[in-house]
Amino acid sequence: MTMPAMRPEPVLSAAAMRRADERTIRDFGIPAHTLMESAGKGAAMRLLQQIQPKSAPGVWRVYCGKGHNGGDGFVVARYLYEAGATVQVLHLHCSEDGSADGVLTGDVAAHLATLSKLAETDPDDRLHISPYEPGVAWPHAAVHVDALLGIGPDCDLREPVRTLVERLNAAPGLKMAIDIPTGLHADLGKPLGAAFRADLTCTMGALKTGLCLHEGPAYAGQRVVIDIGIPDIALRDAVDGDPVGSAYRASDDLVRGWMPVRNANAHKYSVGLALIVAGSEEMTGAAVMAAEGAARAGAGYVVCGCDRRIRDSMEMQLTDVATISLPASGDGIETEGALDALSERLDKSGAVVTGCGLGRAPGTRAFVLRLLETTASPVVVDADALHALIGQTNLLRSRACGHWILTPHEGEFRRLFGSELDEAGIDPADRMAAARYVADTYNCVLILKGYPALAAAPSGRTWINATGGPALAAAGTGDVLAGICGGLLAQGLSAEQAAVSGLHLGGAAADRYAAKRAGRSLRATDLLDELPFAMKERLGVG
């Protein structure tokens, strides 16, 4: 029996999410009323998994706006009440008796009407619906549920919502946001003047990009996707129709499916030769970490080409990696002699990794450009090799051909592409759009490091990495990442697969370390130690 292919997790912009909703209603016949019911019920059930009314006595307060987010809130309130909570609904658009004031229409009004009828027949006086009155003091609440605005706003919060959000942030009690915290930009993850700080965010149908980017994770707290019945094909088509604003996230299952299987007669050449061209007198460690990263990722044979002046040091540190001495002088690596020394390995390599600690001497820069001009192998272009490309992006345009992975951090990215992005009218701070532009323009795979790291591919897909975190803010982790990507390329993964898998596995190794130790104590070499365990435990690969 053939197992179904594992699919990536969709991450949608606000516009793409609306299209998925509309298609579900129009093409699949699932009414909006039913979607709202599923959303509210799912969020309430998830909240009740975390906290029960018996353990959190007092009022559970739900704050509802007039839109669909408010409708979800009415449903949440109903299910919390049915579970035994004392619920107060504060609604920004209702009359004194708790009924709709004419602003509410359709399914939102219908769910409020249902809740109002339940309140009228409440024998225990545990359900109250009242208008929100600015300036009125509230008693303490055990739980605060934000159902005010959802994914709609793209400008600074207006009154009275802004003051309400600020009051909620200062209030004690558990805080849950429905779909996205009020005041958080649904696409960019930036607060709109002010934003609700949630402990838990229950987002509907799929993650939103704003929950993953910039300050989104800090405002969202724990993020949980609620399945409300939107078909998977509607979500995937919504992402594919919005390549700049929407993205995917990899999972352990997806990366596992990409990993090559070693057969019984595998040998070091059949499972991939990775050529690492890296290191200088000032930075031997970068070459060591890149080479070890490729080996730990599973490349069968790793060779490190390095400046002749550091070869002895490299051989002492790389006991299981072969080295090649590259002729060099005070001007850096000598181009023709170095290419001759590498030629045999270049012809056989499944991947080349270059730039890690290589240095920026004029001769070295000329050598890097010649290497990139001549090699037919897939290439990971990192650090000083990226610097060599400044002003030489035509080489990238003509040679990448979808097989190169570029791995800049924010500063390198701006130095290499900043002026071009300015001319194209793209704000480099919009990391999704900027990464997508470079991948499209130069037919390359771009890893944009930072939190979260992004990978944009010429396939039209953008990936938001789901692993790792602050622990990765340590020197050398980028060298390890470049090596991991090169090791995966050498084993036959496509550039897109290698980039996405490299980010996922490097982050998983950091997560494993941080689960046992202080994350801030991580050093790049710790990733090398943790990577084999993360691969075994999370992917089950042998």
Protein backbone atom coordinates (compact mmCIF):
# COMPACT_ATOMS: atom_id res chain seq x y z
CA MET A 1 0.00 0.00 0.00
CA THR A 2 1.41 3.40 -0.99
CA MET A 3 1.43 5.92 1.83
CA PRO A 4 0.12 9.40 0.96
CA ALA A 5 2.78 12.06 0.47
CA MET A 6 3.28 14.30 3.48
CA ARG A 7 2.33 17.87 2.70
CA PRO A 8 3.81 21.04 4.15
CA GLU A 9 1.83 23.15 6.59
CA PRO A 10 0.26 26.22 4.94
CA VAL A 11 0.81 29.68 6.42
CA LEU A 12 -1.64 32.20 4.96
CA SER A 13 -1.84 35.95 4.58
CA ALA A 14 -5.10 37.62 5.56
CA ALA A 15 -6.17 37.93 1.90
CA ALA A 16 -5.37 34.29 1.16
CA MET A 17 -7.29 33.17 4.25
CA ARG A 18 -10.35 35.11 3.10
CA ARG A 19 -10.14 33.43 -0.30
CA ALA A 20 -9.93 30.01 1.32
CA ASP A 21 -13.00 30.84 3.44
CA GLU A 22 -14.94 32.09 0.45
CA ARG A 23 -14.06 29.06 -1.65
CA THR A 24 -15.08 26.71 1.15
CA ILE A 25 -18.49 28.36 1.35
CA ARG A 26 -18.97 28.70 -2.42
CA ASP A 27 -17.43 25.52 -3.86
CA PHE A 28 -17.69 23.04 -1.01
CA GLY A 29 -21.06 24.07 0.36
CA ILE A 30 -20.02 24.56 3.98
CA PRO A 31 -22.06 27.50 5.34
CA ALA A 32 -20.35 30.43 7.03
CA HIS A 33 -22.52 29.79 10.08
CA THR A 34 -21.04 26.29 10.37
CA LEU A 35 -17.47 27.55 9.97
CA MET A 36 -18.07 30.08 12.75
CA GLU A 37 -19.56 27.40 14.98
CA SER A 38 -16.56 25.13 14.37
CA ALA A 39 -14.13 27.96 15.03
CA GLY A 40 -15.68 28.98 18.33
CA LYS A 41 -16.17 25.43 19.54
CA GLY A 42 -12.61 24.45 18.63
CA ALA A 43 -11.12 27.46 20.41
CA ALA A 44 -13.23 26.88 23.51
CA MET A 45 -12.31 23.19 23.66
CA ARG A 46 -8.61 24.03 23.33
CA LEU A 47 -8.86 26.62 26.11
CA LEU A 48 -10.64 24.09 28.33
CA GLN A 49 -7.81 21.62 27.75
CA GLN A 50 -5.49 24.15 29.35
CA ILE A 51 -7.67 25.42 32.17
CA GLN A 52 -10.92 24.24 33.74
CA PRO A 53 -13.60 26.38 35.45
CA LYS A 54 -13.15 24.48 38.72
CA SER A 55 -9.46 25.36 38.83
CA ALA A 56 -10.04 28.98 37.77
CA PRO A 57 -13.04 30.31 39.68
CA GLY A 58 -14.28 33.76 38.91
CA VAL A 59 -15.39 35.43 35.71
CA TRP A 60 -14.23 34.27 32.28
CA ARG A 61 -14.56 37.38 30.16
CA VAL A 62 -14.97 37.37 26.37
CA TYR A 63 -14.47 40.63 24.45
CA CYS A 64 -16.32 40.68 21.12
CA GLY A 65 -16.26 43.02 18.16
CA LYS A 66 -18.85 43.30 15.42
CA GLY A 67 -17.17 41.17 12.74
CA HIS A 68 -16.64 37.46 12.25
CA ASN A 69 -14.05 37.42 15.03
CA GLY A 70 -16.75 38.63 17.38
CA GLY A 71 -19.06 35.90 16.09
CA ASP A 72 -16.40 33.33 16.95
CA GLY A 73 -16.28 34.91 20.40
CA PHE A 74 -20.02 34.46 20.93
CA VAL A 75 -19.65 30.76 20.17
CA VAL A 76 -16.64 30.50 22.49
CA ALA A 77 -18.67 32.10 25.28
CA ARG A 78 -21.50 29.61 24.78
CA TYR A 79 -19.23 26.58 25.04
CA LEU A 80 -17.36 27.98 28.05
CA TYR A 81 -20.69 28.56 29.77
CA GLU A 82 -21.85 25.03 28.95
CA ALA A 83 -18.59 23.73 30.48
CA GLY A 84 -19.43 25.38 33.80
CA ALA A 85 -17.64 28.72 33.60
CA THR A 86 -19.12 32.00 34.75
CA VAL A 87 -18.98 34.01 31.53
CA GLN A 88 -19.27 37.73 30.91
CA VAL A 89 -19.44 38.90 27.30
CA LEU A 90 -18.43 42.51 26.73
CA HIS A 91 -19.50 43.56 23.27
CA LEU A 92 -18.48 46.76 21.54
CA HIS A 93 -21.64 46.81 19.43
CA CYS A 94 -24.73 45.76 21.35
CA SER A 95 -27.60 47.43 23.17
CA GLU A 96 -28.14 47.62 26.90
CA ASP A 97 -30.16 44.39 26.96
CA GLY A 98 -27.35 42.46 25.18
CA SER A 99 -29.13 42.11 21.85
CA ALA A 100 -27.77 43.15 18.45
CA ASP A 101 -27.99 46.90 17.89
CA GLY A 102 -28.39 46.84 14.14
CA VAL A 103 -24.66 46.90 13.42
CA LEU A 104 -24.46 43.11 13.53
CA THR A 105 -25.76 41.14 10.59
CA GLY A 106 -25.95 37.64 9.25
CA ASP A 107 -24.20 34.81 11.08
CA VAL A 108 -22.63 37.07 13.70
CA ALA A 109 -26.05 38.37 14.73
CA ALA A 110 -27.45 34.84 14.66
CA HIS A 111 -24.79 33.53 17.05
CA LEU A 112 -25.34 36.50 19.38
CA ALA A 113 -29.09 35.80 19.30
CA THR A 114 -28.48 32.18 20.31
CA LEU A 115 -26.22 33.29 23.15
CA SER A 116 -28.74 35.91 24.29
CA LYS A 117 -31.54 33.33 24.47
CA LEU A 118 -29.28 31.11 26.54
CA ALA A 119 -28.57 34.01 28.91
CA GLU A 120 -32.31 34.69 29.29
CA THR A 121 -32.91 31.12 30.47
CA ASP A 122 -29.77 30.85 32.61
CA PRO A 123 -30.93 29.50 35.98
CA ASP A 124 -27.56 30.05 37.69
CA ASP A 125 -26.93 33.61 36.57
CA ARG A 126 -23.56 32.56 35.09
CA LEU A 127 -23.93 34.18 31.67
CA HIS A 128 -24.07 37.93 31.13
CA ILE A 129 -23.90 39.98 27.92
CA SER A 130 -23.37 43.70 28.17
CA PRO A 131 -21.93 46.60 26.18
CA TYR A 132 -18.35 47.60 26.73
CA GLU A 133 -18.20 50.95 28.50
CA PRO A 134 -14.82 52.73 28.37
CA GLY A 135 -13.60 53.87 31.75
CA VAL A 136 -15.73 51.46 33.77
CA ALA A 137 -13.70 49.48 36.31
CA TRP A 138 -13.90 45.70 35.99
CA PRO A 139 -13.59 43.09 38.67
CA HIS A 140 -10.78 40.57 38.33
CA ALA A 141 -11.24 37.92 35.63
CA ALA A 142 -9.61 34.51 35.61
CA VAL A 143 -9.61 34.34 31.81
CA HIS A 144 -9.68 36.99 29.08
CA VAL A 145 -10.68 36.00 25.52
CA ASP A 146 -9.87 38.45 22.75
CA ALA A 147 -12.43 38.26 19.92
CA LEU A 148 -12.33 41.91 18.94
CA LEU A 149 -10.93 42.36 15.44
CA GLY A 150 -9.22 39.27 14.03
CA ILE A 151 -7.17 39.45 10.82
CA GLY A 152 -8.70 42.60 9.37
CA PRO A 153 -6.84 45.71 10.61
CA ASP A 154 -3.80 47.14 8.82
CA CYS A 155 -3.60 50.55 10.53
CA ASP A 156 -3.08 51.67 14.12
CA LEU A 157 -5.82 50.72 16.56
CA ARG A 158 -8.45 53.34 17.19
CA GLU A 159 -10.32 54.10 20.39
CA PRO A 160 -11.89 52.56 22.32
CA VAL A 161 -10.13 49.36 21.19
CA ARG A 162 -6.61 50.61 21.81
CA THR A 163 -7.26 51.54 25.42
CA LEU A 164 -9.13 48.27 25.93
CA VAL A 165 -6.16 46.28 24.64
CA GLU A 166 -3.77 48.20 26.88
CA ARG A 167 -6.00 47.52 29.89
CA LEU A 168 -6.14 43.82 29.05
CA ASN A 169 -2.37 43.60 28.75
CA ALA A 170 -2.04 45.02 32.26
CA ALA A 171 -4.73 42.77 33.76
CA PRO A 172 -3.97 39.48 35.52
CA GLY A 173 -5.44 36.22 34.26
CA LEU A 174 -4.92 33.81 31.38
CA LYS A 175 -5.26 35.48 27.98
CA MET A 176 -6.40 33.80 24.75
CA ALA A 177 -6.70 35.39 21.32
CA ILE A 178 -9.06 34.08 18.66
CA ASP A 179 -7.42 33.83 15.23
CA ILE A 180 -4.84 36.57 15.86
CA PRO A 181 -4.22 38.98 18.75
CA THR A 182 -6.07 42.25 18.26
CA GLY A 183 -3.69 44.89 16.95
CA LEU A 184 -1.15 42.46 15.47
CA HIS A 185 -0.76 42.89 11.70
CA ALA A 186 -1.96 39.58 10.25
CA ASP A 187 0.67 39.58 7.49
CA LEU A 188 3.71 41.32 8.96
CA GLY A 189 3.58 40.38 12.64
CA LYS A 190 4.01 43.98 13.78
CA PRO A 191 1.85 45.69 16.43
CA LEU A 192 -0.47 48.37 15.11
CA GLY A 193 0.27 50.93 17.81
CA ALA A 194 -0.72 48.43 20.47
CA ALA A 195 -1.51 44.70 20.39
CA PHE A 196 -3.04 42.16 22.73
CA ARG A 197 -0.42 39.93 24.39
CA ALA A 198 -1.83 36.41 24.45
CA ASP A 199 -0.72 33.34 26.33
CA LEU A 200 -2.53 31.23 23.74
CA THR A 201 -3.72 32.01 20.23
CA CYS A 202 -6.22 29.71 18.54
CA THR A 203 -5.99 30.52 14.84
CA MET A 204 -8.57 29.24 12.38
CA GLY A 205 -7.87 26.90 9.48
CA ALA A 206 -4.17 27.69 9.14
CA LEU A 207 -1.40 29.73 10.68
CA LYS A 208 -1.24 33.34 9.60
CA THR A 209 2.08 34.81 8.51
CA GLY A 210 1.83 37.52 11.16
CA LEU A 211 1.84 34.86 13.87
CA CYS A 212 5.24 33.66 12.63
CA LEU A 213 7.11 36.81 11.61
CA HIS A 214 8.75 39.68 13.48
CA GLU A 215 7.06 40.20 16.86
CA GLY A 216 4.16 37.87 16.08
CA PRO A 217 5.39 34.89 18.12
CA ALA A 218 5.93 37.09 21.19
CA TYR A 219 2.38 38.49 21.04
CA ALA A 220 0.71 35.20 20.10
CA GLY A 221 2.14 33.00 22.83
CA GLN A 222 1.40 29.35 22.17
CA ARG A 223 -0.08 28.98 18.68
CA VAL A 224 -2.68 26.32 17.93
CA VAL A 225 -4.38 25.77 14.58
CA ILE A 226 -8.09 24.92 14.84
CA ASP A 227 -9.48 22.73 12.06
CA ILE A 228 -12.79 24.33 11.14
CA GLY A 229 -13.54 22.22 8.07
CA ILE A 230 -11.74 24.13 5.32
CA PRO A 231 -10.52 21.48 2.83
CA ASP A 232 -6.76 21.09 2.57
CA ILE A 233 -6.85 21.80 -1.16
CA ALA A 234 -8.48 25.17 -0.52
CA LEU A 235 -5.70 26.12 1.88
CA ARG A 236 -2.91 24.92 -0.42
CA ASP A 237 -4.39 26.66 -3.45
CA ALA A 238 -4.69 29.84 -1.40
CA VAL A 239 -0.97 29.69 -0.57
CA ASP A 240 0.05 28.91 -4.14
CA GLY A 241 -2.07 31.80 -5.40
CA ASP A 242 -0.33 34.20 -3.02
CA PRO A 243 3.42 33.42 -3.27
CA VAL A 244 4.55 36.77 -1.87
CA GLY A 245 2.27 36.94 1.16
CA SER A 246 1.78 33.28 2.08
CA ALA A 247 4.20 30.47 2.82
CA TYR A 248 4.68 26.92 4.03
CA ARG A 249 6.26 25.34 7.09
CA ALA A 250 8.10 22.03 7.06
CA SER A 251 7.35 19.25 9.50
CA ASP A 252 9.34 16.26 10.72
CA ASP A 253 7.20 14.03 8.51
CA LEU A 254 7.83 16.13 5.41
CA VAL A 255 11.61 16.24 5.92
CA ARG A 256 11.65 12.53 6.70
CA GLY A 257 10.05 11.88 3.33
CA TRP A 258 12.83 13.79 1.58
CA MET A 259 15.69 11.94 3.26
CA PRO A 260 17.42 9.46 0.90
CA VAL A 261 17.37 5.82 1.96
CA ARG A 262 20.73 4.09 2.11
CA ASN A 263 20.60 0.62 0.59
CA ALA A 264 22.67 -2.32 1.82
CA ASN A 265 25.48 -1.85 -0.68
CA ALA A 266 25.94 1.89 -0.09
CA HIS A 267 29.49 3.22 0.01
CA LYS A 268 31.08 6.61 0.68
CA TYR A 269 30.90 7.78 -2.92
CA SER A 270 27.39 6.53 -3.61
CA VAL A 271 25.93 8.53 -0.71
CA GLY A 272 27.45 11.83 -1.71
CA LEU A 273 30.73 13.73 -1.96
CA ALA A 274 30.62 17.23 -0.48
CA LEU A 275 33.46 19.62 -1.28
CA ILE A 276 33.96 22.38 1.29
CA VAL A 277 36.06 25.34 0.12
CA ALA A 278 36.51 27.42 3.22
CA GLY A 279 38.75 28.74 5.97
CA SER A 280 41.56 31.25 6.34
CA GLU A 281 44.35 31.97 8.80
CA GLU A 282 41.94 34.05 10.89
CA MET A 283 38.99 31.64 10.73
CA THR A 284 39.93 27.98 10.57
CA GLY A 285 36.97 27.10 12.78
CA ALA A 286 34.43 28.12 10.15
CA ALA A 287 35.79 25.57 7.71
CA VAL A 288 35.89 22.88 10.38
CA MET A 289 32.25 23.45 11.35
CA ALA A 290 31.04 23.52 7.74
CA ALA A 291 32.88 20.29 6.95
CA GLU A 292 31.62 18.58 10.10
CA GLY A 293 28.10 19.81 9.36
CA ALA A 294 28.18 18.17 5.93
CA ALA A 295 29.45 14.93 7.43
CA ARG A 296 26.87 14.92 10.24
CA ALA A 297 24.10 15.53 7.67
CA GLY A 298 25.07 12.24 6.02
CA ALA A 299 27.43 13.02 3.17
CA GLY A 300 29.55 9.91 2.66
CA TYR A 301 32.76 11.67 1.75
CA VAL A 302 33.65 15.22 2.75
CA VAL A 303 36.70 16.98 1.37
CA CYS A 304 37.87 20.39 2.56
CA GLY A 305 39.88 22.58 0.22
CA CYS A 306 41.71 25.24 2.22
CA ASP A 307 44.49 27.81 2.09
CA ARG A 308 47.82 25.92 2.18
CA ARG A 309 48.87 27.95 5.23
CA ILE A 310 46.18 26.39 7.42
CA ARG A 311 46.20 22.84 6.08
CA ASP A 312 48.23 21.41 8.95
CA SER A 313 45.86 22.96 11.47
CA MET A 314 42.85 21.70 9.52
CA GLU A 315 44.16 18.15 9.39
CA MET A 316 44.60 18.15 13.14
CA GLN A 317 41.00 19.26 13.65
CA LEU A 318 39.39 17.23 10.84
CA THR A 319 40.50 13.71 11.56
CA ASP A 320 37.81 12.13 9.35
CA VAL A 321 37.69 14.72 6.56
CA ALA A 322 40.20 14.81 3.73
CA THR A 323 41.93 18.11 2.95
CA ILE A 324 43.31 19.69 -0.20
CA SER A 325 46.01 22.35 -0.05
CA LEU A 326 45.20 25.43 -2.11
CA PRO A 327 48.09 27.66 -3.21
CA ALA A 328 47.92 31.09 -1.58
CA SER A 329 49.97 34.19 -0.98
CA GLY A 330 49.59 37.50 0.79
CA ASP A 331 46.97 38.41 -1.82
CA GLY A 332 44.84 35.41 -0.91
CA ILE A 333 44.13 32.15 -2.72
CA GLU A 334 45.73 31.85 -6.16
CA THR A 335 42.93 31.21 -8.65
CA GLU A 336 44.39 28.95 -11.35
CA GLY A 337 46.49 26.83 -9.02
CA ALA A 338 43.58 26.39 -6.62
CA LEU A 339 41.19 25.38 -9.40
CA ASP A 340 43.74 22.84 -10.65
CA ALA A 341 44.09 21.40 -7.16
CA LEU A 342 40.33 21.08 -6.80
CA SER A 343 39.52 19.90 -10.33
CA GLU A 344 39.30 16.17 -9.62
CA ARG A 345 37.02 16.64 -6.62
CA LEU A 346 34.95 19.28 -8.37
CA ASP A 347 34.18 16.85 -11.18
CA LYS A 348 32.93 14.23 -8.71
CA SER A 349 31.27 16.41 -6.09
CA GLY A 350 27.56 16.29 -5.43
CA ALA A 351 27.75 19.72 -3.82
CA VAL A 352 30.15 22.56 -3.14
CA VAL A 353 30.04 24.74 -0.02
CA THR A 354 32.11 27.89 -0.21
CA GLY A 355 32.68 31.09 1.70
CA CYS A 356 32.73 30.00 5.35
CA GLY A 357 35.62 31.93 6.91
CA LEU A 358 37.33 32.13 3.52
CA GLY A 359 38.44 35.74 3.87
CA ARG A 360 38.07 38.75 1.60
CA ALA A 361 41.56 39.23 0.17
CA PRO A 362 41.46 40.34 -3.50
CA GLY A 363 42.94 37.08 -4.75
CA THR A 364 40.47 35.04 -2.72
CA ARG A 365 37.56 37.07 -4.07
CA ALA A 366 38.75 36.49 -7.66
CA PHE A 367 39.12 32.77 -6.93
CA VAL A 368 35.57 32.53 -5.54
CA LEU A 369 34.12 34.20 -8.62
CA ARG A 370 36.04 31.83 -10.94
CA LEU A 371 34.94 28.85 -8.88
CA LEU A 372 31.31 29.92 -9.19
CA GLU A 373 31.72 30.56 -12.91
CA THR A 374 33.10 27.10 -13.63
CA THR A 375 31.55 24.55 -11.29
CA ALA A 376 28.59 22.54 -12.53
CA SER A 377 27.76 21.23 -9.05
CA PRO A 378 25.05 22.59 -6.80
CA VAL A 379 26.57 25.25 -4.55
CA VAL A 380 25.94 26.65 -1.08
CA VAL A 381 27.15 30.26 -1.16
CA ASP A 382 27.86 31.54 2.33
CA ALA A 383 29.59 34.39 4.15
CA ASP A 384 32.68 35.64 2.28
CA ALA A 385 31.49 34.07 -0.98
CA LEU A 386 28.37 36.25 -0.67
CA HIS A 387 30.63 39.25 -0.17
CA ALA A 388 32.48 38.33 -3.37
CA LEU A 389 29.18 38.55 -5.26
CA ILE A 390 28.57 42.20 -4.33
CA GLY A 391 28.45 44.02 -7.65
CA GLN A 392 28.61 40.69 -9.48
CA THR A 393 24.99 39.59 -9.31
CA ASN A 394 24.94 38.98 -13.07
CA LEU A 395 27.06 35.93 -12.33
CA LEU A 396 24.37 34.76 -9.94
CA ARG A 397 21.71 35.38 -12.58
CA SER A 398 23.54 33.39 -15.25
CA ARG A 399 24.88 30.49 -13.17
CA ALA A 400 22.52 29.70 -10.30
CA CYS A 401 19.95 27.89 -12.48
CA GLY A 402 17.90 26.89 -9.45
CA HIS A 403 20.80 24.86 -7.97
CA TRP A 404 22.47 27.40 -5.70
CA ILE A 405 21.58 28.09 -2.07
CA LEU A 406 22.48 31.54 -0.77
CA THR A 407 22.61 31.87 3.03
CA PRO A 408 22.87 35.57 4.01
CA HIS A 409 22.04 37.09 7.35
CA GLU A 410 20.21 40.42 7.30
CA GLY A 411 23.33 42.55 6.92
CA GLU A 412 24.76 40.45 4.10
CA PHE A 413 21.39 40.43 2.39
CA ARG A 414 21.11 44.22 2.43
CA ARG A 415 24.68 44.70 1.21
CA LEU A 416 24.15 42.30 -1.67
CA PHE A 417 20.61 43.20 -2.75
CA GLY A 418 19.61 46.38 -0.86
CA SER A 419 19.94 48.88 -3.69
CA GLU A 420 18.14 46.60 -6.10
CA LEU A 421 15.29 46.10 -3.65
CA ASP A 422 15.04 49.88 -3.25
CA GLU A 423 14.77 50.29 -7.03
CA ALA A 424 12.07 47.62 -7.15
CA GLY A 425 10.13 49.40 -4.39
CA ILE A 426 10.49 46.52 -1.93
CA ASP A 427 11.14 47.28 1.72
CA PRO A 428 13.96 44.99 2.89
CA ALA A 429 12.19 44.89 6.26
CA ASP A 430 9.38 42.97 4.52
CA ARG A 431 11.43 39.80 4.68
CA MET A 432 8.92 37.62 2.85
CA ALA A 433 8.61 39.93 -0.14
CA ALA A 434 12.34 40.62 -0.28
CA ALA A 435 13.32 36.95 -0.16
CA ARG A 436 10.70 36.06 -2.74
CA TYR A 437 11.97 38.79 -5.09
CA VAL A 438 15.57 37.55 -4.96
CA ALA A 439 14.63 33.90 -5.49
CA ASP A 440 12.49 34.84 -8.49
CA THR A 441 14.93 37.31 -10.00
CA TYR A 442 18.03 35.16 -9.72
CA ASN A 443 16.57 31.65 -9.98
CA CYS A 444 18.20 30.61 -6.74
CA VAL A 445 17.17 29.32 -3.34
CA LEU A 446 17.59 32.01 -0.71
CA ILE A 447 17.91 31.25 2.99
CA LEU A 448 17.39 34.52 4.85
CA LYS A 449 18.73 33.92 8.33
CA GLY A 450 17.19 35.49 11.41
CA TYR A 451 14.15 34.57 13.46
CA PRO A 452 12.36 32.96 11.93
CA ALA A 453 14.64 31.94 9.09
CA LEU A 454 13.02 31.99 5.65
CA ALA A 455 13.75 29.96 2.55
CA ALA A 456 12.47 31.20 -0.81
CA ALA A 457 12.75 29.00 -3.90
CA PRO A 458 12.35 29.59 -7.64
CA SER A 459 9.46 27.10 -7.50
CA GLY A 460 7.41 30.02 -6.14
CA ARG A 461 7.29 28.62 -2.61
CA THR A 462 8.44 30.44 0.48
CA TRP A 463 9.11 28.53 3.69
CA ILE A 464 9.04 29.81 7.27
CA ASN A 465 11.24 27.69 9.47
CA ALA A 466 9.43 26.20 12.47
CA THR A 467 12.41 25.06 14.56
CA GLY A 468 15.19 26.76 16.50
CA GLY A 469 15.06 30.07 18.27
CA PRO A 470 17.23 32.40 20.36
CA ALA A 471 19.68 29.60 21.15
CA LEU A 472 20.94 29.87 17.56
CA ALA A 473 22.21 33.41 18.18
CA ALA A 474 25.79 32.20 18.45
CA ALA A 475 28.81 32.61 16.19
CA GLY A 476 29.40 29.70 13.84
CA THR A 477 25.87 28.35 13.65
CA GLY A 478 25.65 29.70 10.09
CA ASP A 479 28.76 27.71 9.14
CA VAL A 480 27.17 24.55 10.49
CA LEU A 481 23.97 25.33 8.58
CA ALA A 482 25.89 25.81 5.32
CA GLY A 483 27.59 22.47 5.86
CA ILE A 484 24.33 20.68 6.63
CA CYS A 485 22.75 22.06 3.46
CA GLY A 486 25.80 20.99 1.45
CA GLY A 487 25.70 17.52 2.93
CA LEU A 488 22.05 17.15 1.99
CA LEU A 489 22.66 18.49 -1.52
CA ALA A 490 25.46 15.96 -1.96
CA GLN A 491 23.02 13.15 -1.13
CA GLY A 492 20.71 14.18 -3.95
CA LEU A 493 18.17 16.52 -2.39
CA SER A 494 17.13 19.45 -4.55
CA ALA A 495 18.35 22.89 -3.54
CA GLU A 496 14.91 23.73 -2.15
CA GLN A 497 14.67 20.49 -0.18
CA ALA A 498 18.22 20.84 1.15
CA ALA A 499 17.64 24.43 2.29
CA VAL A 500 14.33 23.69 3.99
CA SER A 501 15.63 20.46 5.56
CA GLY A 502 18.88 22.08 6.65
CA LEU A 503 17.03 24.84 8.47
CA HIS A 504 14.62 22.35 10.03
CA LEU A 505 17.34 19.97 11.22
CA GLY A 506 19.69 22.68 12.47
CA GLY A 507 16.83 24.22 14.43
CA ALA A 508 15.79 20.81 15.76
CA ALA A 509 19.32 20.25 17.05
CA ALA A 510 19.19 23.63 18.81
CA ASP A 511 15.77 22.79 20.27
CA ARG A 512 17.12 19.52 21.63
CA TYR A 513 20.02 21.30 23.27
CA ALA A 514 17.79 24.01 24.76
CA ALA A 515 15.41 21.40 26.18
CA LYS A 516 18.21 20.06 28.38
CA ARG A 517 20.44 23.06 29.02
CA ALA A 518 20.40 26.84 29.08
CA GLY A 519 19.80 27.79 25.46
CA ARG A 520 22.07 30.82 25.72
CA SER A 521 25.00 28.52 26.46
CA LEU A 522 24.79 26.83 23.04
CA ARG A 523 27.85 26.99 20.83
CA ALA A 524 27.96 26.05 17.18
CA THR A 525 29.82 22.82 17.89
CA ASP A 526 26.93 21.76 20.15
CA LEU A 527 24.74 21.61 17.03
CA LEU A 528 27.11 19.04 15.58
CA ASP A 529 26.76 16.92 18.71
CA GLU A 530 22.97 17.20 18.84
CA LEU A 531 22.24 16.77 15.13
CA PRO A 532 22.55 12.94 14.96
CA PHE A 533 20.20 12.56 17.93
CA ALA A 534 17.67 15.03 16.51
CA MET A 535 17.70 13.20 13.18
CA LYS A 536 17.12 9.85 14.86
CA GLU A 537 14.54 10.97 17.40
CA ARG A 538 12.51 13.30 15.19
CA LEU A 539 12.94 11.75 11.75
CA GLY A 540 13.71 8.15 12.64
CA VAL A 541 16.42 8.04 10.00
CA GLY A 542 19.27 5.55 10.28
